[in-house]
Amino acid sequence: MTDTTTLRAERGPDGGRLYVARDEAEKGSKAPFFVAYRDENRERRWGFFCGNCETFSTAMDSMGRVRCNDCENFKRPDEWDAAHE
């Protein structure tokens, strides 16, 4: 059984329900990015929720960078060095 006490239901961009896991986060420049799921059991990962402006308008690239399209909160690549700038 999955602990759902740290999940918060939010209306997703398509109008459906998404579940934001407040205990699963990636460090952002302004606030954390929380992992979002399509289901309460955390079996179907959807993407990220920006903790700064509280939106799902985020994008992730193949290097693991996450950026909020609304407030410019960002997470550096998983394997970052100055050559990635």
Protein backbone atom coordinates (compact mmCIF):
# COMPACT_ATOMS: atom_id res chain seq x y z
CA MET A 1 0.00 0.00 0.00
CA THR A 2 1.33 3.44 -0.95
CA ASP A 3 1.34 6.30 1.55
CA THR A 4 -0.82 9.01 0.02
CA THR A 5 -0.60 11.49 2.90
CA THR A 6 2.09 13.47 1.09
CA LEU A 7 0.13 13.61 -2.18
CA ARG A 8 -1.91 16.63 -3.15
CA ALA A 9 -4.49 16.38 -5.94
CA GLU A 10 -4.29 19.22 -8.49
CA ARG A 11 -6.08 19.93 -11.76
CA GLY A 12 -3.65 19.18 -14.58
CA PRO A 13 -3.25 21.12 -17.83
CA ASP A 14 -5.73 18.85 -19.63
CA GLY A 15 -8.33 19.27 -16.87
CA GLY A 16 -7.66 15.83 -15.39
CA ARG A 17 -6.48 15.11 -11.87
CA LEU A 18 -2.76 14.82 -11.16
CA TYR A 19 -1.15 13.95 -7.82
CA VAL A 20 1.80 16.03 -6.62
CA ALA A 21 4.21 14.12 -4.37
CA ARG A 22 5.50 16.67 -1.86
CA ASP A 23 8.01 14.12 -0.57
CA GLU A 24 9.64 13.62 -4.00
CA ALA A 25 11.43 16.74 -5.19
CA GLU A 26 14.29 17.97 -7.34
CA LYS A 27 16.12 21.11 -6.23
CA GLY A 28 15.29 24.14 -8.36
CA SER A 29 16.87 27.59 -8.51
CA LYS A 30 13.86 29.28 -6.85
CA ALA A 31 11.92 26.36 -5.33
CA PRO A 32 11.73 22.58 -5.68
CA PHE A 33 10.15 20.71 -8.57
CA PHE A 34 7.80 18.06 -7.20
CA VAL A 35 7.14 14.80 -9.03
CA ALA A 36 3.59 14.51 -10.38
CA TYR A 37 1.70 11.27 -10.98
CA ARG A 38 -1.47 10.34 -12.84
CA ASP A 39 -2.59 8.01 -10.04
CA GLU A 40 -2.61 7.93 -6.24
CA ASN A 41 -0.52 4.75 -6.17
CA ARG A 42 2.44 6.53 -7.82
CA GLU A 43 2.59 3.98 -10.61
CA ARG A 44 2.14 6.36 -13.57
CA ARG A 45 4.60 9.24 -13.41
CA TRP A 46 3.44 12.29 -15.33
CA GLY A 47 6.18 14.93 -14.92
CA PHE A 48 6.94 17.85 -12.61
CA PHE A 49 5.07 20.54 -10.70
CA CYS A 50 6.87 23.85 -10.02
CA GLY A 51 6.91 24.65 -6.31
CA ASN A 52 7.61 28.33 -6.98
CA CYS A 53 4.59 29.35 -9.06
CA GLU A 54 2.58 26.12 -8.61
CA THR A 55 2.14 25.17 -12.24
CA PHE A 56 2.59 22.07 -14.36
CA SER A 57 4.05 24.18 -17.19
CA THR A 58 7.47 22.55 -17.00
CA ALA A 59 9.84 20.93 -19.48
CA MET A 60 12.65 18.40 -19.04
CA ASP A 61 15.38 17.67 -21.55
CA SER A 62 17.47 14.53 -22.13
CA MET A 63 20.20 15.77 -19.75
CA GLY A 64 17.79 16.04 -16.81
CA ARG A 65 17.37 19.83 -16.87
CA VAL A 66 13.94 20.94 -15.72
CA ARG A 67 12.61 24.45 -16.41
CA CYS A 68 9.36 26.13 -15.49
CA ASN A 69 7.92 27.92 -18.52
CA ASP A 70 6.11 30.46 -16.32
CA CYS A 71 8.60 31.66 -13.68
CA GLU A 72 12.02 30.53 -15.00
CA ASN A 73 12.68 28.27 -12.02
CA PHE A 74 15.21 25.69 -13.24
CA LYS A 75 17.16 22.60 -12.26
CA ARG A 76 20.62 22.06 -13.66
CA PRO A 77 21.43 18.87 -15.62
CA ASP A 78 22.03 15.71 -13.62
CA GLU A 79 25.66 15.67 -14.79
CA TRP A 80 26.49 19.34 -15.03
CA ASP A 81 29.72 21.18 -15.77
CA ALA A 82 30.51 24.55 -17.37
CA ALA A 83 30.57 22.97 -20.84
CA HIS A 84 26.77 22.55 -20.70
CA GLU A 85 26.10 26.30 -20.54
